Amino acid sequence: MKRFFKSIGYIFISIIAIVFILLVILFEKDIPREQLKPKYTNASSHFMPLMGMQIHYRDEGISNDSLPLILLHGMSSSLNTWDSVVLFLKDKKRLVSIDLPAFGLTGPNPENEYNFAYYNKFLDSILNNLHISSCIIAGNSLGGAIAWEYTSTHSNVAKLILIDAAGYPSKNAKGSLGFKIASTPVINNLLLYITPKSLVRKSLEGIYFDKTRVTDAQVERFHDVAISEGNRKAALTIFKKGFEHEPEKINSITTPTLIIWGEKDGVIPVDNGYLFEKNIKGSKLEVLKNVGHVPMEEAPKKVADLIASFIQ
């Protein structure tokens, strides 16, 4: 028995040593946001002082459009997820894409608090500051959940667009490797220090159906933004605490709603798209074949055409 416990001790020490070595080899410190701004901003980028943050957003398209399209990205993403769709729609609409608090070049909020009440307050504030009294909101994944939650309690949303939106439990989902690790207790704390590009690539391949569409430039962008100062801690806070979804609120939505879903979504299966269509009266579901969790990246022209038809 004494020999057994001695062996267990050796194994435990070996594991600690391996973890320590991995931390030394793979450790990456946060990148200051100021260092990333020249790389990931363009002529349409703006920074708005709001709620203790500098909010990164882009305001593009028809400037005098009285019903702008607000674009919300998903978990661990950024406003860049909409770049291709914006190119197709900018001659038709005013488009405001936003790096949500906790992500992109906006980064964490001072309170380190992330829930629907917070994001509702945030959307109210940014829309007021942009003098937008009425809008159309489109959201993907977590951004979709924020979009329908806001719509369910606000009357200033004229139309709603949900793209592979969170909100219902995801059954039989394969998921993304990065999301799985981030949701695993204890191990997920390593992501505060280790975020290798190989993990980022594998995670991106998990949200696409056509893995060949994942490029080196895309991997670099997701990696850079992920380790922007404070973003890893903020994202981990969200994974650990989660969001208190209230799916019954979805039933109360009467706003004209377009639902777009990737047929091959392995993160939030297409069955959830049918649930949204069933529970939002008058909504319309469009399922895109051979497309994964981010249709606006994998099939931007199809998504832009569906949006253009819906908003006109």
C-alpha atoms as a PDB file:
ATOM      1  CA  MET A   1       0.000   0.000   0.000  1.00  0.00           C
ATOM      2  CA  LYS A   2       2.867   2.325   0.848  1.00  0.00           C
ATOM      3  CA  ARG A   3       4.392   1.647  -2.573  1.00  0.00           C
ATOM      4  CA  PHE A   4       1.008   2.374  -4.219  1.00  0.00           C
ATOM      5  CA  PHE A   5       0.688   5.809  -2.624  1.00  0.00           C
ATOM      6  CA  LYS A   6       4.304   6.507  -3.502  1.00  0.00           C
ATOM      7  CA  SER A   7       3.546   5.712  -7.140  1.00  0.00           C
ATOM      8  CA  ILE A   8       0.479   7.956  -7.068  1.00  0.00           C
ATOM      9  CA  GLY A   9       2.672  10.736  -5.688  1.00  0.00           C
ATOM     10  CA  TYR A  10       5.150  10.328  -8.538  1.00  0.00           C
ATOM     11  CA  ILE A  11       2.325  10.429 -11.103  1.00  0.00           C
ATOM     12  CA  PHE A  12       0.869  13.577  -9.528  1.00  0.00           C
ATOM     13  CA  ILE A  13       4.253  15.304  -9.484  1.00  0.00           C
ATOM     14  CA  SER A  14       4.817  14.277 -13.114  1.00  0.00           C
ATOM     15  CA  ILE A  15       1.477  15.779 -14.160  1.00  0.00           C
ATOM     16  CA  ILE A  16       2.287  19.026 -12.337  1.00  0.00           C
ATOM     17  CA  ALA A  17       5.702  19.102 -14.032  1.00  0.00           C
ATOM     18  CA  ILE A  18       4.164  18.547 -17.483  1.00  0.00           C
ATOM     19  CA  VAL A  19       1.615  21.316 -16.926  1.00  0.00           C
ATOM     20  CA  PHE A  20       4.391  23.650 -15.749  1.00  0.00           C
ATOM     21  CA  ILE A  21       6.505  22.865 -18.812  1.00  0.00           C
ATOM     22  CA  LEU A  22       3.530  23.456 -21.114  1.00  0.00           C
ATOM     23  CA  LEU A  23       2.864  26.797 -19.429  1.00  0.00           C
ATOM     24  CA  VAL A  24       6.505  27.829 -19.913  1.00  0.00           C
ATOM     25  CA  ILE A  25       6.590  26.738 -23.564  1.00  0.00           C
ATOM     26  CA  LEU A  26       3.131  27.837 -24.696  1.00  0.00           C
ATOM     27  CA  PHE A  27       2.484  30.845 -22.439  1.00  0.00           C
ATOM     28  CA  GLU A  28       1.302  33.958 -24.286  1.00  0.00           C
ATOM     29  CA  LYS A  29       0.697  37.247 -22.535  1.00  0.00           C
ATOM     30  CA  ASP A  30      -2.185  39.516 -23.501  1.00  0.00           C
ATOM     31  CA  ILE A  31      -1.634  41.851 -26.445  1.00  0.00           C
ATOM     32  CA  PRO A  32      -2.385  45.539 -25.732  1.00  0.00           C
ATOM     33  CA  ARG A  33      -5.411  46.680 -27.755  1.00  0.00           C
ATOM     34  CA  GLU A  34      -3.530  49.745 -28.977  1.00  0.00           C
ATOM     35  CA  GLN A  35      -1.103  47.378 -30.676  1.00  0.00           C
ATOM     36  CA  LEU A  36      -3.940  45.617 -32.519  1.00  0.00           C
ATOM     37  CA  LYS A  37      -5.897  48.687 -33.625  1.00  0.00           C
ATOM     38  CA  PRO A  38      -3.778  49.508 -36.705  1.00  0.00           C
ATOM     39  CA  LYS A  39      -4.131  45.895 -37.846  1.00  0.00           C
ATOM     40  CA  TYR A  40      -7.886  45.394 -37.349  1.00  0.00           C
ATOM     41  CA  THR A  41      -9.468  48.785 -37.945  1.00  0.00           C
ATOM     42  CA  ASN A  42     -10.326  50.483 -41.224  1.00  0.00           C
ATOM     43  CA  ALA A  43     -11.641  53.827 -42.462  1.00  0.00           C
ATOM     44  CA  SER A  44     -15.137  52.962 -41.180  1.00  0.00           C
ATOM     45  CA  SER A  45     -13.945  52.121 -37.658  1.00  0.00           C
ATOM     46  CA  HIS A  46     -14.874  54.344 -34.721  1.00  0.00           C
ATOM     47  CA  PHE A  47     -14.292  54.203 -30.974  1.00  0.00           C
ATOM     48  CA  MET A  48     -17.028  55.456 -28.671  1.00  0.00           C
ATOM     49  CA  PRO A  49     -16.405  56.133 -24.952  1.00  0.00           C
ATOM     50  CA  LEU A  50     -19.282  54.312 -23.291  1.00  0.00           C
ATOM     51  CA  MET A  51     -19.927  52.619 -19.933  1.00  0.00           C
ATOM     52  CA  GLY A  52     -16.240  52.732 -19.015  1.00  0.00           C
ATOM     53  CA  MET A  53     -15.062  51.252 -22.344  1.00  0.00           C
ATOM     54  CA  GLN A  54     -13.937  52.389 -25.767  1.00  0.00           C
ATOM     55  CA  ILE A  55     -16.476  50.643 -27.986  1.00  0.00           C
ATOM     56  CA  HIS A  56     -15.168  49.621 -31.397  1.00  0.00           C
ATOM     57  CA  TYR A  57     -17.825  49.799 -34.094  1.00  0.00           C
ATOM     58  CA  ARG A  58     -18.114  50.412 -37.824  1.00  0.00           C
ATOM     59  CA  ASP A  59     -20.748  52.639 -39.400  1.00  0.00           C
ATOM     60  CA  GLU A  60     -21.003  51.962 -43.130  1.00  0.00           C
ATOM     61  CA  GLY A  61     -23.371  52.226 -46.083  1.00  0.00           C
ATOM     62  CA  ILE A  62     -26.125  54.797 -46.581  1.00  0.00           C
ATOM     63  CA  SER A  63     -25.597  57.400 -43.861  1.00  0.00           C
ATOM     64  CA  ASN A  64     -29.108  58.909 -43.994  1.00  0.00           C
ATOM     65  CA  ASP A  65     -30.887  55.554 -43.734  1.00  0.00           C
ATOM     66  CA  SER A  66     -33.577  56.001 -41.056  1.00  0.00           C
ATOM     67  CA  LEU A  67     -33.708  52.273 -40.233  1.00  0.00           C
ATOM     68  CA  PRO A  68     -30.118  51.035 -39.794  1.00  0.00           C
ATOM     69  CA  LEU A  69     -29.163  47.372 -39.621  1.00  0.00           C
ATOM     70  CA  ILE A  70     -27.327  46.567 -36.362  1.00  0.00           C
ATOM     71  CA  LEU A  71     -24.997  43.551 -36.602  1.00  0.00           C
ATOM     72  CA  LEU A  72     -24.075  41.502 -33.503  1.00  0.00           C
ATOM     73  CA  HIS A  73     -21.411  38.792 -33.586  1.00  0.00           C
ATOM     74  CA  GLY A  74     -21.201  35.556 -31.627  1.00  0.00           C
ATOM     75  CA  MET A  75     -19.099  34.154 -28.791  1.00  0.00           C
ATOM     76  CA  SER A  76     -15.331  34.735 -29.046  1.00  0.00           C
ATOM     77  CA  SER A  77     -15.831  36.516 -32.376  1.00  0.00           C
ATOM     78  CA  SER A  78     -15.761  40.149 -33.522  1.00  0.00           C
ATOM     79  CA  LEU A  79     -17.484  42.535 -35.908  1.00  0.00           C
ATOM     80  CA  ASN A  80     -15.208  41.169 -38.660  1.00  0.00           C
ATOM     81  CA  THR A  81     -17.541  38.184 -38.928  1.00  0.00           C
ATOM     82  CA  TRP A  82     -19.881  40.503 -40.926  1.00  0.00           C
ATOM     83  CA  ASP A  83     -17.267  41.938 -43.312  1.00  0.00           C
ATOM     84  CA  SER A  84     -18.392  40.036 -46.424  1.00  0.00           C
ATOM     85  CA  VAL A  85     -22.109  40.595 -45.785  1.00  0.00           C
ATOM     86  CA  VAL A  86     -21.455  44.323 -45.313  1.00  0.00           C
ATOM     87  CA  LEU A  87     -19.768  44.475 -48.727  1.00  0.00           C
ATOM     88  CA  PHE A  88     -22.904  43.058 -50.359  1.00  0.00           C
ATOM     89  CA  LEU A  89     -25.335  45.313 -48.467  1.00  0.00           C
ATOM     90  CA  LYS A  90     -23.577  48.658 -48.031  1.00  0.00           C
ATOM     91  CA  ASP A  91     -25.189  50.144 -51.155  1.00  0.00           C
ATOM     92  CA  LYS A  92     -28.648  49.298 -49.759  1.00  0.00           C
ATOM     93  CA  LYS A  93     -28.525  50.062 -46.009  1.00  0.00           C
ATOM     94  CA  ARG A  94     -26.749  51.813 -43.201  1.00  0.00           C
ATOM     95  CA  LEU A  95     -24.905  49.047 -41.369  1.00  0.00           C
ATOM     96  CA  VAL A  96     -23.553  49.334 -37.827  1.00  0.00           C
ATOM     97  CA  SER A  97     -21.400  46.401 -36.733  1.00  0.00           C
ATOM     98  CA  ILE A  98     -20.201  46.298 -33.131  1.00  0.00           C
ATOM     99  CA  ASP A  99     -17.452  44.601 -31.138  1.00  0.00           C
ATOM    100  CA  LEU A 100     -19.552  43.596 -28.141  1.00  0.00           C
ATOM    101  CA  PRO A 101     -18.153  44.074 -24.617  1.00  0.00           C
ATOM    102  CA  ALA A 102     -15.808  41.170 -23.722  1.00  0.00           C
ATOM    103  CA  PHE A 103     -14.730  40.736 -27.349  1.00  0.00           C
ATOM    104  CA  GLY A 104     -12.860  42.244 -30.266  1.00  0.00           C
ATOM    105  CA  LEU A 105     -11.186  45.611 -29.838  1.00  0.00           C
ATOM    106  CA  THR A 106     -13.805  46.707 -27.292  1.00  0.00           C
ATOM    107  CA  GLY A 107     -12.593  44.311 -24.620  1.00  0.00           C
ATOM    108  CA  PRO A 108     -13.968  43.632 -21.133  1.00  0.00           C
ATOM    109  CA  ASN A 109     -16.299  45.901 -19.218  1.00  0.00           C
ATOM    110  CA  PRO A 110     -15.105  47.364 -15.891  1.00  0.00           C
ATOM    111  CA  GLU A 111     -17.671  45.377 -13.863  1.00  0.00           C
ATOM    112  CA  ASN A 112     -16.693  42.037 -15.466  1.00  0.00           C
ATOM    113  CA  GLU A 113     -20.444  41.319 -15.555  1.00  0.00           C
ATOM    114  CA  TYR A 114     -22.040  39.723 -18.599  1.00  0.00           C
ATOM    115  CA  ASN A 115     -25.733  38.885 -18.830  1.00  0.00           C
ATOM    116  CA  PHE A 116     -28.779  39.849 -20.860  1.00  0.00           C
ATOM    117  CA  ALA A 117     -29.632  42.784 -18.575  1.00  0.00           C
ATOM    118  CA  TYR A 118     -26.140  44.188 -19.125  1.00  0.00           C
ATOM    119  CA  TYR A 119     -26.229  43.781 -22.905  1.00  0.00           C
ATOM    120  CA  ASN A 120     -29.735  45.308 -23.042  1.00  0.00           C
ATOM    121  CA  LYS A 121     -28.390  48.348 -21.229  1.00  0.00           C
ATOM    122  CA  PHE A 122     -25.388  48.411 -23.546  1.00  0.00           C
ATOM    123  CA  LEU A 123     -27.512  48.317 -26.713  1.00  0.00           C
ATOM    124  CA  ASP A 124     -29.771  51.074 -25.363  1.00  0.00           C
ATOM    125  CA  SER A 125     -26.721  53.230 -24.658  1.00  0.00           C
ATOM    126  CA  ILE A 126     -24.975  52.774 -28.004  1.00  0.00           C
ATOM    127  CA  LEU A 127     -28.182  53.278 -30.003  1.00  0.00           C
ATOM    128  CA  ASN A 128     -28.948  56.466 -28.058  1.00  0.00           C
ATOM    129  CA  ASN A 129     -25.432  57.756 -28.636  1.00  0.00           C
ATOM    130  CA  LEU A 130     -25.758  57.057 -32.357  1.00  0.00           C
ATOM    131  CA  HIS A 131     -29.188  58.774 -32.361  1.00  0.00           C
ATOM    132  CA  ILE A 132     -30.860  55.625 -33.676  1.00  0.00           C
ATOM    133  CA  SER A 133     -34.495  55.558 -32.579  1.00  0.00           C
ATOM    134  CA  SER A 134     -35.549  52.539 -34.625  1.00  0.00           C
ATOM    135  CA  CYS A 135     -33.519  49.737 -36.185  1.00  0.00           C
ATOM    136  CA  ILE A 136     -33.270  46.222 -37.543  1.00  0.00           C
ATOM    137  CA  ILE A 137     -31.113  43.871 -35.456  1.00  0.00           C
ATOM    138  CA  ALA A 138     -29.273  40.819 -36.777  1.00  0.00           C
ATOM    139  CA  GLY A 139     -27.335  38.494 -34.495  1.00  0.00           C
ATOM    140  CA  ASN A 140     -25.399  35.250 -34.805  1.00  0.00           C
ATOM    141  CA  SER A 141     -25.052  32.669 -32.010  1.00  0.00           C
ATOM    142  CA  LEU A 142     -24.639  34.601 -28.713  1.00  0.00           C
ATOM    143  CA  GLY A 143     -25.316  37.796 -30.683  1.00  0.00           C
ATOM    144  CA  GLY A 144     -28.581  36.209 -31.816  1.00  0.00           C
ATOM    145  CA  ALA A 145     -29.584  35.539 -28.222  1.00  0.00           C
ATOM    146  CA  ILE A 146     -28.760  39.130 -27.281  1.00  0.00           C
ATOM    147  CA  ALA A 147     -30.812  40.290 -30.302  1.00  0.00           C
ATOM    148  CA  TRP A 148     -33.997  38.340 -29.484  1.00  0.00           C
ATOM    149  CA  GLU A 149     -33.723  39.115 -25.763  1.00  0.00           C
ATOM    150  CA  TYR A 150     -33.469  42.846 -26.531  1.00  0.00           C
ATOM    151  CA  THR A 151     -36.322  42.638 -29.045  1.00  0.00           C
ATOM    152  CA  SER A 152     -38.580  40.870 -26.544  1.00  0.00           C
ATOM    153  CA  THR A 153     -38.414  43.857 -24.177  1.00  0.00           C
ATOM    154  CA  HIS A 154     -38.020  46.816 -26.559  1.00  0.00           C
ATOM    155  CA  SER A 155     -40.318  48.394 -29.126  1.00  0.00           C
ATOM    156  CA  ASN A 156     -37.611  50.132 -31.174  1.00  0.00           C
ATOM    157  CA  VAL A 157     -36.737  46.993 -33.170  1.00  0.00           C
ATOM    158  CA  ALA A 158     -38.632  47.056 -36.475  1.00  0.00           C
ATOM    159  CA  LYS A 159     -37.330  43.698 -37.718  1.00  0.00           C
ATOM    160  CA  LEU A 160     -35.276  40.861 -36.251  1.00  0.00           C
ATOM    161  CA  ILE A 161     -32.794  38.550 -37.997  1.00  0.00           C
ATOM    162  CA  LEU A 162     -31.548  35.470 -36.155  1.00  0.00           C
ATOM    163  CA  ILE A 163     -28.622  33.516 -37.604  1.00  0.00           C
ATOM    164  CA  ASP A 164     -27.902  30.208 -35.833  1.00  0.00           C
ATOM    165  CA  ALA A 165     -28.967  31.943 -32.629  1.00  0.00           C
ATOM    166  CA  ALA A 166     -28.492  30.694 -29.081  1.00  0.00           C
ATOM    167  CA  GLY A 167     -31.546  30.434 -26.849  1.00  0.00           C
ATOM    168  CA  TYR A 168     -32.645  26.818 -26.655  1.00  0.00           C
ATOM    169  CA  PRO A 169     -30.651  23.862 -25.276  1.00  0.00           C
ATOM    170  CA  SER A 170     -28.426  22.334 -27.965  1.00  0.00           C
ATOM    171  CA  LYS A 171     -28.993  18.589 -28.252  1.00  0.00           C
ATOM    172  CA  ASN A 172     -26.559  16.236 -30.014  1.00  0.00           C
ATOM    173  CA  ALA A 173     -24.204  19.107 -30.824  1.00  0.00           C
ATOM    174  CA  LYS A 174     -20.616  18.250 -31.787  1.00  0.00           C
ATOM    175  CA  GLY A 175     -19.455  21.699 -30.777  1.00  0.00           C
ATOM    176  CA  SER A 176     -16.170  23.521 -31.210  1.00  0.00           C
ATOM    177  CA  LEU A 177     -12.990  22.233 -29.522  1.00  0.00           C
ATOM    178  CA  GLY A 178     -12.281  25.651 -28.004  1.00  0.00           C
ATOM    179  CA  PHE A 179     -15.826  25.905 -26.633  1.00  0.00           C
ATOM    180  CA  LYS A 180     -15.559  22.404 -25.135  1.00  0.00           C
ATOM    181  CA  ILE A 181     -12.294  23.217 -23.348  1.00  0.00           C
ATOM    182  CA  ALA A 182     -13.656  26.580 -22.169  1.00  0.00           C
ATOM    183  CA  SER A 183     -16.667  24.768 -20.676  1.00  0.00           C
ATOM    184  CA  THR A 184     -14.560  22.169 -18.819  1.00  0.00           C
ATOM    185  CA  PRO A 185     -13.975  23.099 -15.136  1.00  0.00           C
ATOM    186  CA  VAL A 186     -10.358  23.520 -13.922  1.00  0.00           C
ATOM    187  CA  ILE A 187      -8.846  22.798 -17.345  1.00  0.00           C
ATOM    188  CA  ASN A 188     -10.507  25.900 -18.764  1.00  0.00           C
ATOM    189  CA  ASN A 189      -8.316  28.089 -16.534  1.00  0.00           C
ATOM    190  CA  LEU A 190      -5.334  27.172 -18.724  1.00  0.00           C
ATOM    191  CA  LEU A 191      -6.924  29.202 -21.526  1.00  0.00           C
ATOM    192  CA  LEU A 192      -6.026  32.333 -19.580  1.00  0.00           C
ATOM    193  CA  TYR A 193      -2.369  31.618 -20.401  1.00  0.00           C
ATOM    194  CA  ILE A 194      -2.328  29.175 -23.324  1.00  0.00           C
ATOM    195  CA  THR A 195      -4.190  29.927 -26.545  1.00  0.00           C
ATOM    196  CA  PRO A 196      -2.155  28.368 -29.369  1.00  0.00           C
ATOM    197  CA  LYS A 197      -3.048  29.072 -32.994  1.00  0.00           C
ATOM    198  CA  SER A 198      -3.448  25.321 -33.524  1.00  0.00           C
ATOM    199  CA  LEU A 199      -6.348  25.342 -31.026  1.00  0.00           C
ATOM    200  CA  VAL A 200      -7.855  28.407 -32.713  1.00  0.00           C
ATOM    201  CA  ARG A 201      -7.690  26.683 -36.103  1.00  0.00           C
ATOM    202  CA  LYS A 202      -9.242  23.478 -34.774  1.00  0.00           C
ATOM    203  CA  SER A 203     -12.016  25.501 -33.120  1.00  0.00           C
ATOM    204  CA  LEU A 204     -12.760  27.415 -36.324  1.00  0.00           C
ATOM    205  CA  GLU A 205     -12.858  24.178 -38.295  1.00  0.00           C
ATOM    206  CA  GLY A 206     -15.476  22.974 -35.807  1.00  0.00           C
ATOM    207  CA  ILE A 207     -17.857  25.817 -36.634  1.00  0.00           C
ATOM    208  CA  TYR A 208     -17.481  25.575 -40.415  1.00  0.00           C
ATOM    209  CA  PHE A 209     -18.905  22.822 -42.606  1.00  0.00           C
ATOM    210  CA  ASP A 210     -16.344  23.497 -45.345  1.00  0.00           C
ATOM    211  CA  LYS A 211     -13.102  23.451 -43.368  1.00  0.00           C
ATOM    212  CA  THR A 212     -11.087  24.601 -46.392  1.00  0.00           C
ATOM    213  CA  ARG A 213     -12.590  28.074 -45.912  1.00  0.00           C
ATOM    214  CA  VAL A 214     -10.555  28.539 -42.717  1.00  0.00           C
ATOM    215  CA  THR A 215      -7.569  30.650 -43.774  1.00  0.00           C
ATOM    216  CA  ASP A 216      -4.266  31.471 -42.071  1.00  0.00           C
ATOM    217  CA  ALA A 217      -5.261  35.153 -41.937  1.00  0.00           C
ATOM    218  CA  GLN A 218      -8.524  34.244 -40.232  1.00  0.00           C
ATOM    219  CA  VAL A 219      -6.746  32.069 -37.661  1.00  0.00           C
ATOM    220  CA  GLU A 220      -4.322  34.898 -36.932  1.00  0.00           C
ATOM    221  CA  ARG A 221      -7.154  37.413 -36.482  1.00  0.00           C
ATOM    222  CA  PHE A 222      -9.164  35.187 -34.141  1.00  0.00           C
ATOM    223  CA  HIS A 223      -5.993  34.397 -32.185  1.00  0.00           C
ATOM    224  CA  ASP A 224      -4.917  38.044 -31.899  1.00  0.00           C
ATOM    225  CA  VAL A 225      -8.361  39.227 -30.830  1.00  0.00           C
ATOM    226  CA  ALA A 226      -8.748  36.319 -28.388  1.00  0.00           C
ATOM    227  CA  ILE A 227      -5.592  37.313 -26.507  1.00  0.00           C
ATOM    228  CA  SER A 228      -6.247  41.048 -26.666  1.00  0.00           C
ATOM    229  CA  GLU A 229      -5.881  42.396 -23.132  1.00  0.00           C
ATOM    230  CA  GLY A 230      -8.624  41.141 -20.841  1.00  0.00           C
ATOM    231  CA  ASN A 231     -10.559  39.210 -23.508  1.00  0.00           C
ATOM    232  CA  ARG A 232      -9.582  35.739 -22.315  1.00  0.00           C
ATOM    233  CA  LYS A 233     -10.637  36.490 -18.762  1.00  0.00           C
ATOM    234  CA  ALA A 234     -13.929  37.998 -19.948  1.00  0.00           C
ATOM    235  CA  ALA A 235     -14.723  35.075 -22.249  1.00  0.00           C
ATOM    236  CA  LEU A 236     -13.906  32.581 -19.498  1.00  0.00           C
ATOM    237  CA  THR A 237     -16.232  34.451 -17.127  1.00  0.00           C
ATOM    238  CA  ILE A 238     -19.045  34.027 -19.650  1.00  0.00           C
ATOM    239  CA  PHE A 239     -18.312  30.317 -20.122  1.00  0.00           C
ATOM    240  CA  LYS A 240     -18.211  29.724 -16.364  1.00  0.00           C
ATOM    241  CA  LYS A 241     -21.313  31.703 -15.419  1.00  0.00           C
ATOM    242  CA  GLY A 242     -23.315  31.227 -18.599  1.00  0.00           C
ATOM    243  CA  PHE A 243     -26.441  33.176 -19.481  1.00  0.00           C
ATOM    244  CA  GLU A 244     -29.813  32.634 -17.860  1.00  0.00           C
ATOM    245  CA  HIS A 245     -31.849  31.989 -20.981  1.00  0.00           C
ATOM    246  CA  GLU A 246     -35.588  32.459 -20.703  1.00  0.00           C
ATOM    247  CA  PRO A 247     -36.886  30.719 -23.848  1.00  0.00           C
ATOM    248  CA  GLU A 248     -40.462  31.580 -22.918  1.00  0.00           C
ATOM    249  CA  LYS A 249     -39.653  35.197 -23.875  1.00  0.00           C
ATOM    250  CA  ILE A 250     -39.184  34.042 -27.451  1.00  0.00           C
ATOM    251  CA  ASN A 251     -42.896  33.168 -27.616  1.00  0.00           C
ATOM    252  CA  SER A 252     -43.780  36.797 -26.867  1.00  0.00           C
ATOM    253  CA  ILE A 253     -41.924  38.217 -29.897  1.00  0.00           C
ATOM    254  CA  THR A 254     -44.258  39.628 -32.540  1.00  0.00           C
ATOM    255  CA  THR A 255     -41.600  41.553 -34.467  1.00  0.00           C
ATOM    256  CA  PRO A 256     -41.239  40.407 -38.121  1.00  0.00           C
ATOM    257  CA  THR A 257     -38.439  37.857 -37.926  1.00  0.00           C
ATOM    258  CA  LEU A 258     -36.150  36.156 -40.441  1.00  0.00           C
ATOM    259  CA  ILE A 259     -34.341  33.035 -39.208  1.00  0.00           C
ATOM    260  CA  ILE A 260     -31.287  31.797 -41.130  1.00  0.00           C
ATOM    261  CA  TRP A 261     -29.609  28.521 -40.206  1.00  0.00           C
ATOM    262  CA  GLY A 262     -26.730  26.418 -41.466  1.00  0.00           C
ATOM    263  CA  GLU A 263     -28.012  22.906 -42.112  1.00  0.00           C
ATOM    264  CA  LYS A 264     -24.708  21.421 -40.915  1.00  0.00           C
ATOM    265  CA  ASP A 265     -24.345  23.551 -37.769  1.00  0.00           C
ATOM    266  CA  GLY A 266     -22.491  21.378 -35.243  1.00  0.00           C
ATOM    267  CA  VAL A 267     -22.650  23.980 -32.440  1.00  0.00           C
ATOM    268  CA  ILE A 268     -26.375  24.807 -32.412  1.00  0.00           C
ATOM    269  CA  PRO A 269     -28.201  22.188 -34.506  1.00  0.00           C
ATOM    270  CA  VAL A 270     -30.765  23.199 -37.117  1.00  0.00           C
ATOM    271  CA  ASP A 271     -33.528  21.683 -34.954  1.00  0.00           C
ATOM    272  CA  ASN A 272     -33.255  24.853 -32.861  1.00  0.00           C
ATOM    273  CA  GLY A 273     -33.976  26.916 -35.952  1.00  0.00           C
ATOM    274  CA  TYR A 274     -37.265  25.093 -36.376  1.00  0.00           C
ATOM    275  CA  LEU A 275     -38.048  25.794 -32.710  1.00  0.00           C
ATOM    276  CA  PHE A 276     -37.546  29.517 -33.253  1.00  0.00           C
ATOM    277  CA  GLU A 277     -39.793  29.398 -36.319  1.00  0.00           C
ATOM    278  CA  LYS A 278     -42.473  27.528 -34.372  1.00  0.00           C
ATOM    279  CA  ASN A 279     -42.434  29.892 -31.400  1.00  0.00           C
ATOM    280  CA  ILE A 280     -42.083  33.283 -33.121  1.00  0.00           C
ATOM    281  CA  LYS A 281     -45.402  33.886 -34.831  1.00  0.00           C
ATOM    282  CA  GLY A 282     -45.125  34.836 -38.486  1.00  0.00           C
ATOM    283  CA  SER A 283     -41.378  34.168 -38.640  1.00  0.00           C
ATOM    284  CA  LYS A 284     -39.696  32.621 -41.675  1.00  0.00           C
ATOM    285  CA  LEU A 285     -36.874  30.065 -41.556  1.00  0.00           C
ATOM    286  CA  GLU A 286     -34.292  29.683 -44.333  1.00  0.00           C
ATOM    287  CA  VAL A 287     -32.003  26.653 -44.046  1.00  0.00           C
ATOM    288  CA  LEU A 288     -28.752  26.809 -46.017  1.00  0.00           C
ATOM    289  CA  LYS A 289     -27.451  23.453 -47.210  1.00  0.00           C
ATOM    290  CA  ASN A 290     -23.847  22.442 -46.519  1.00  0.00           C
ATOM    291  CA  VAL A 291     -23.276  25.436 -44.251  1.00  0.00           C
ATOM    292  CA  GLY A 292     -22.155  25.425 -40.622  1.00  0.00           C
ATOM    293  CA  HIS A 293     -22.539  27.721 -37.603  1.00  0.00           C
ATOM    294  CA  VAL A 294     -21.504  31.004 -39.254  1.00  0.00           C
ATOM    295  CA  PRO A 295     -23.463  31.334 -42.531  1.00  0.00           C
ATOM    296  CA  MET A 296     -22.519  35.021 -42.877  1.00  0.00           C
ATOM    297  CA  GLU A 297     -18.882  33.870 -43.252  1.00  0.00           C
ATOM    298  CA  GLU A 298     -19.403  30.591 -45.084  1.00  0.00           C
ATOM    299  CA  ALA A 299     -22.184  31.740 -47.458  1.00  0.00           C
ATOM    300  CA  PRO A 300     -22.148  35.568 -47.275  1.00  0.00           C
ATOM    301  CA  LYS A 301     -23.826  36.190 -50.650  1.00  0.00           C
ATOM    302  CA  LYS A 302     -26.769  33.911 -49.801  1.00  0.00           C
ATOM    303  CA  VAL A 303     -27.140  35.517 -46.375  1.00  0.00           C
ATOM    304  CA  ALA A 304     -26.916  39.036 -47.830  1.00  0.00           C
ATOM    305  CA  ASP A 305     -29.545  38.227 -50.464  1.00  0.00           C
ATOM    306  CA  LEU A 306     -31.922  36.822 -47.838  1.00  0.00           C
ATOM    307  CA  ILE A 307     -31.428  39.865 -45.620  1.00  0.00           C
ATOM    308  CA  ALA A 308     -31.873  42.286 -48.532  1.00  0.00           C
ATOM    309  CA  SER A 309     -35.130  40.626 -49.551  1.00  0.00           C
ATOM    310  CA  PHE A 310     -36.410  40.610 -45.969  1.00  0.00           C
ATOM    311  CA  ILE A 311     -35.603  44.206 -45.086  1.00  0.00           C
ATOM    312  CA  GLN A 312     -37.025  45.630 -48.300  1.00  0.00           C
END
